[in-house]
């Protein structure tokens, strides 16, 4: 069993497409299962005293 962690600097909203493409590329080496995906989106700058 091999676990690979990959960081990709891609535009927001591309996580699903990238996950699918990487899984298809890795399937030639054996059964592939995506365990988790996280997308770190940029945060907007907040003004002092501003609340959510």
PDB file of N, CA and C in Angstrom:
ATOM      1  N   UNK A   1       0.853  -1.173   0.000  1.00  0.00           N
ATOM      2  CA  UNK A   1       0.000   0.000   0.000  1.00  0.00           C
ATOM      3  C   UNK A   1       0.895   1.231   0.000  1.00  0.00           C
ATOM      4  N   UNK A   2       0.580   2.175  -0.855  1.00  0.00           N
ATOM      5  CA  UNK A   2       1.340   3.412  -0.987  1.00  0.00           C
ATOM      6  C   UNK A   2       0.373   4.583  -0.850  1.00  0.00           C
ATOM      7  N   UNK A   3       0.678   5.536   0.021  1.00  0.00           N
ATOM      8  CA  UNK A   3      -0.131   6.747   0.180  1.00  0.00           C
ATOM      9  C   UNK A   3       0.678   7.922  -0.323  1.00  0.00           C
ATOM     10  N   UNK A   4       0.088   8.709  -1.233  1.00  0.00           N
ATOM     11  CA  UNK A   4       0.768   9.851  -1.836  1.00  0.00           C
ATOM     12  C   UNK A   4       0.000  11.116  -1.495  1.00  0.00           C
ATOM     13  N   UNK A   5       0.713  12.142  -1.034  1.00  0.00           N
ATOM     14  CA  UNK A   5       0.114  13.446  -0.773  1.00  0.00           C
ATOM     15  C   UNK A   5       0.656  14.417  -1.809  1.00  0.00           C
ATOM     16  N   UNK A   6      -0.241  15.112  -2.498  1.00  0.00           N
ATOM     17  CA  UNK A   6       0.149  16.019  -3.574  1.00  0.00           C
ATOM     18  C   UNK A   6      -0.445  17.396  -3.318  1.00  0.00           C
ATOM     19  N   UNK A   7       0.373  18.432  -3.453  1.00  0.00           N
ATOM     20  CA  UNK A   7      -0.113  19.810  -3.387  1.00  0.00           C
ATOM     21  C   UNK A   7      -0.072  20.380  -4.791  1.00  0.00           C
ATOM     22  N   UNK A   8      -1.182  20.964  -5.234  1.00  0.00           N
ATOM     23  CA  UNK A   8      -1.279  21.526  -6.577  1.00  0.00           C
ATOM     24  C   UNK A   8      -1.698  22.980  -6.447  1.00  0.00           C
ATOM     25  N   UNK A   9      -0.932  23.880  -7.046  1.00  0.00           N
ATOM     26  CA  UNK A   9      -1.282  25.301  -7.061  1.00  0.00           C
ATOM     27  C   UNK A   9      -2.147  25.531  -8.303  1.00  0.00           C
ATOM     28  N   UNK A  10      -3.457  25.410  -8.127  1.00  0.00           N
ATOM     29  CA  UNK A  10      -4.402  25.514  -9.241  1.00  0.00           C
ATOM     30  C   UNK A  10      -5.477  26.538  -8.894  1.00  0.00           C
ATOM     31  N   UNK A  11      -6.174  27.047  -9.901  1.00  0.00           N
ATOM     32  CA  UNK A  11      -7.253  27.999  -9.640  1.00  0.00           C
ATOM     33  C   UNK A  11      -8.353  27.370  -8.784  1.00  0.00           C
ATOM     34  N   UNK A  12      -9.065  28.177  -7.979  1.00  0.00           N
ATOM     35  CA  UNK A  12     -10.170  27.650  -7.162  1.00  0.00           C
ATOM     36  C   UNK A  12     -11.204  26.936  -8.032  1.00  0.00           C
ATOM     37  N   UNK A  13     -11.777  25.868  -7.502  1.00  0.00           N
ATOM     38  CA  UNK A  13     -12.805  25.126  -8.206  1.00  0.00           C
ATOM     39  C   UNK A  13     -12.294  24.026  -9.111  1.00  0.00           C
ATOM     40  N   UNK A  14     -11.007  23.791  -9.155  1.00  0.00           N
ATOM     41  CA  UNK A  14     -10.426  22.782 -10.034  1.00  0.00           C
ATOM     42  C   UNK A  14     -10.160  21.451  -9.326  1.00  0.00           C
ATOM     43  N   UNK A  15     -10.476  21.351  -8.046  1.00  0.00           N
ATOM     44  CA  UNK A  15     -10.115  20.169  -7.252  1.00  0.00           C
ATOM     45  C   UNK A  15     -10.685  18.875  -7.820  1.00  0.00           C
ATOM     46  N   UNK A  16     -11.952  18.874  -8.228  1.00  0.00           N
ATOM     47  CA  UNK A  16     -12.576  17.646  -8.709  1.00  0.00           C
ATOM     48  C   UNK A  16     -11.906  17.157  -9.995  1.00  0.00           C
ATOM     49  N   UNK A  17     -11.670  18.053 -10.931  1.00  0.00           N
ATOM     50  CA  UNK A  17     -11.034  17.670 -12.192  1.00  0.00           C
ATOM     51  C   UNK A  17      -9.624  17.146 -11.996  1.00  0.00           C
ATOM     52  N   UNK A  18      -8.868  17.808 -11.135  1.00  0.00           N
ATOM     53  CA  UNK A  18      -7.495  17.383 -10.857  1.00  0.00           C
ATOM     54  C   UNK A  18      -7.493  16.019 -10.182  1.00  0.00           C
ATOM     55  N   UNK A  19      -8.391  15.814  -9.221  1.00  0.00           N
ATOM     56  CA  UNK A  19      -8.495  14.529  -8.530  1.00  0.00           C
ATOM     57  C   UNK A  19      -8.785  13.405  -9.518  1.00  0.00           C
ATOM     58  N   UNK A  20      -9.754  13.618 -10.404  1.00  0.00           N
ATOM     59  CA  UNK A  20     -10.118  12.592 -11.380  1.00  0.00           C
ATOM     60  C   UNK A  20      -8.962  12.281 -12.322  1.00  0.00           C
ATOM     61  N   UNK A  21      -8.279  13.304 -12.800  1.00  0.00           N
ATOM     62  CA  UNK A  21      -7.175  13.084 -13.732  1.00  0.00           C
ATOM     63  C   UNK A  21      -6.026  12.328 -13.058  1.00  0.00           C
ATOM     64  N   UNK A  22      -5.670  12.723 -11.841  1.00  0.00           N
ATOM     65  CA  UNK A  22      -4.592  12.019 -11.136  1.00  0.00           C
ATOM     66  C   UNK A  22      -4.963  10.564 -10.862  1.00  0.00           C
ATOM     67  N   UNK A  23      -6.210  10.315 -10.478  1.00  0.00           N
ATOM     68  CA  UNK A  23      -6.642   8.942 -10.218  1.00  0.00           C
ATOM     69  C   UNK A  23      -6.542   8.103 -11.489  1.00  0.00           C
ATOM     70  N   UNK A  24      -6.967   8.666 -12.637  1.00  0.00           N
ATOM     71  CA  UNK A  24      -6.874   7.931 -13.901  1.00  0.00           C
ATOM     72  C   UNK A  24      -5.417   7.635 -14.267  1.00  0.00           C
ATOM     73  N   UNK A  25      -4.531   8.601 -14.032  1.00  0.00           N
ATOM     74  CA  UNK A  25      -3.108   8.382 -14.337  1.00  0.00           C
ATOM     75  C   UNK A  25      -2.509   7.286 -13.461  1.00  0.00           C
ATOM     76  N   UNK A  26      -2.916   7.225 -12.196  1.00  0.00           N
ATOM     77  CA  UNK A  26      -2.341   6.256 -11.261  1.00  0.00           C
ATOM     78  C   UNK A  26      -2.931   4.861 -11.390  1.00  0.00           C
ATOM     79  N   UNK A  27      -4.107   4.721 -12.018  1.00  0.00           N
ATOM     80  CA  UNK A  27      -4.746   3.407 -12.146  1.00  0.00           C
ATOM     81  C   UNK A  27      -3.903   2.410 -12.936  1.00  0.00           C
ATOM     82  N   UNK A  28      -3.004   2.889 -13.782  1.00  0.00           N
ATOM     83  CA  UNK A  28      -2.157   1.956 -14.541  1.00  0.00           C
ATOM     84  C   UNK A  28      -1.196   1.185 -13.636  1.00  0.00           C
ATOM     85  N   UNK A  29      -1.014   1.652 -12.406  1.00  0.00           N
ATOM     86  CA  UNK A  29      -0.097   0.995 -11.472  1.00  0.00           C
ATOM     87  C   UNK A  29      -0.832   0.103 -10.468  1.00  0.00           C
ATOM     88  N   UNK A  30      -2.159   0.071 -10.519  1.00  0.00           N
ATOM     89  CA  UNK A  30      -2.939  -0.753  -9.599  1.00  0.00           C
ATOM     90  C   UNK A  30      -4.220  -0.046  -9.206  1.00  0.00           C
ATOM     91  N   UNK A  31      -4.995  -0.711  -8.355  1.00  0.00           N
ATOM     92  CA  UNK A  31      -6.250  -0.116  -7.896  1.00  0.00           C
ATOM     93  C   UNK A  31      -5.971   1.210  -7.202  1.00  0.00           C
ATOM     94  N   UNK A  32      -6.754   2.222  -7.550  1.00  0.00           N
ATOM     95  CA  UNK A  32      -6.564   3.560  -6.979  1.00  0.00           C
ATOM     96  C   UNK A  32      -7.844   4.015  -6.316  1.00  0.00           C
ATOM     97  N   UNK A  33      -7.714   4.590  -5.127  1.00  0.00           N
ATOM     98  CA  UNK A  33      -8.863   5.127  -4.407  1.00  0.00           C
ATOM     99  C   UNK A  33      -8.453   6.470  -3.831  1.00  0.00           C
ATOM    100  N   UNK A  34      -9.237   7.509  -4.102  1.00  0.00           N
ATOM    101  CA  UNK A  34      -8.966   8.829  -3.536  1.00  0.00           C
ATOM    102  C   UNK A  34      -9.525   8.829  -2.118  1.00  0.00           C
ATOM    103  N   UNK A  35      -8.662   9.071  -1.143  1.00  0.00           N
ATOM    104  CA  UNK A  35      -9.058   9.019   0.259  1.00  0.00           C
ATOM    105  C   UNK A  35      -9.639  10.348   0.712  1.00  0.00           C
ATOM    106  N   UNK A  36      -8.990  11.438   0.349  1.00  0.00           N
ATOM    107  CA  UNK A  36      -9.515  12.747   0.745  1.00  0.00           C
ATOM    108  C   UNK A  36      -8.972  13.823  -0.177  1.00  0.00           C
ATOM    109  N   UNK A  37      -9.717  14.921  -0.225  1.00  0.00           N
ATOM    110  CA  UNK A  37      -9.318  16.099  -1.001  1.00  0.00           C
ATOM    111  C   UNK A  37      -9.705  17.315  -0.182  1.00  0.00           C
ATOM    112  N   UNK A  38      -8.805  18.265  -0.061  1.00  0.00           N
ATOM    113  CA  UNK A  38      -9.127  19.532   0.599  1.00  0.00           C
ATOM    114  C   UNK A  38      -8.742  20.661  -0.336  1.00  0.00           C
ATOM    115  N   UNK A  39      -9.517  21.722  -0.279  1.00  0.00           N
ATOM    116  CA  UNK A  39      -9.239  22.877  -1.121  1.00  0.00           C
ATOM    117  C   UNK A  39      -9.101  24.086  -0.206  1.00  0.00           C
ATOM    118  N   UNK A  40      -7.916  24.674  -0.153  1.00  0.00           N
ATOM    119  CA  UNK A  40      -7.663  25.857   0.662  1.00  0.00           C
ATOM    120  C   UNK A  40      -7.920  27.089  -0.198  1.00  0.00           C
ATOM    121  N   UNK A  41      -9.070  27.720   0.036  1.00  0.00           N
ATOM    122  CA  UNK A  41      -9.439  28.902  -0.739  1.00  0.00           C
ATOM    123  C   UNK A  41      -8.866  30.151  -0.085  1.00  0.00           C
ATOM    124  N   UNK A  42      -8.512  31.149  -0.892  1.00  0.00           N
ATOM    125  CA  UNK A  42      -7.988  32.388  -0.312  1.00  0.00           C
ATOM    126  C   UNK A  42      -9.078  33.112   0.490  1.00  0.00           C
ATOM    127  N   UNK A  43      -8.670  33.729   1.585  1.00  0.00           N
ATOM    128  CA  UNK A  43      -9.617  34.473   2.418  1.00  0.00           C
ATOM    129  C   UNK A  43      -9.607  35.941   2.024  1.00  0.00           C
ATOM    130  N   UNK A  44     -10.770  36.566   2.142  1.00  0.00           N
ATOM    131  CA  UNK A  44     -10.853  37.986   1.854  1.00  0.00           C
ATOM    132  C   UNK A  44     -10.306  38.773   3.037  1.00  0.00           C
ATOM    133  N   UNK A  45      -9.731  39.924   2.742  1.00  0.00           N
ATOM    134  CA  UNK A  45      -9.226  40.801   3.796  1.00  0.00           C
ATOM    135  C   UNK A  45     -10.421  41.432   4.497  1.00  0.00           C
ATOM    136  N   UNK A  46     -10.381  41.478   5.825  1.00  0.00           N
ATOM    137  CA  UNK A  46     -11.478  42.041   6.604  1.00  0.00           C
ATOM    138  C   UNK A  46     -11.054  43.385   7.175  1.00  0.00           C
ATOM    139  N   UNK A  47     -11.994  44.301   7.222  1.00  0.00           N
ATOM    140  CA  UNK A  47     -11.743  45.623   7.816  1.00  0.00           C
ATOM    141  C   UNK A  47     -11.793  45.487   9.339  1.00  0.00           C
ATOM    142  N   UNK A  48     -11.066  46.325  10.016  1.00  0.00           N
ATOM    143  CA  UNK A  48     -11.033  46.295  11.472  1.00  0.00           C
ATOM    144  C   UNK A  48     -12.444  46.504  12.018  1.00  0.00           C
ATOM    145  N   UNK A  49     -12.859  45.646  12.935  1.00  0.00           N
ATOM    146  CA  UNK A  49     -14.180  45.749  13.540  1.00  0.00           C
ATOM    147  C   UNK A  49     -15.284  45.072  12.746  1.00  0.00           C
ATOM    148  N   UNK A  50     -14.985  44.557  11.568  1.00  0.00           N
ATOM    149  CA  UNK A  50     -16.003  43.903  10.738  1.00  0.00           C
ATOM    150  C   UNK A  50     -16.309  42.520  11.304  1.00  0.00           C
ATOM    151  N   UNK A  51     -17.580  42.159  11.296  1.00  0.00           N
ATOM    152  CA  UNK A  51     -18.003  40.850  11.774  1.00  0.00           C
ATOM    153  C   UNK A  51     -18.584  40.057  10.609  1.00  0.00           C
ATOM    154  N   UNK A  52     -18.575  38.739  10.767  1.00  0.00           N
ATOM    155  CA  UNK A  52     -19.144  37.864   9.735  1.00  0.00           C
ATOM    156  C   UNK A  52     -20.638  37.936   9.719  1.00  0.00           C
TER     157      UNK A  52
END
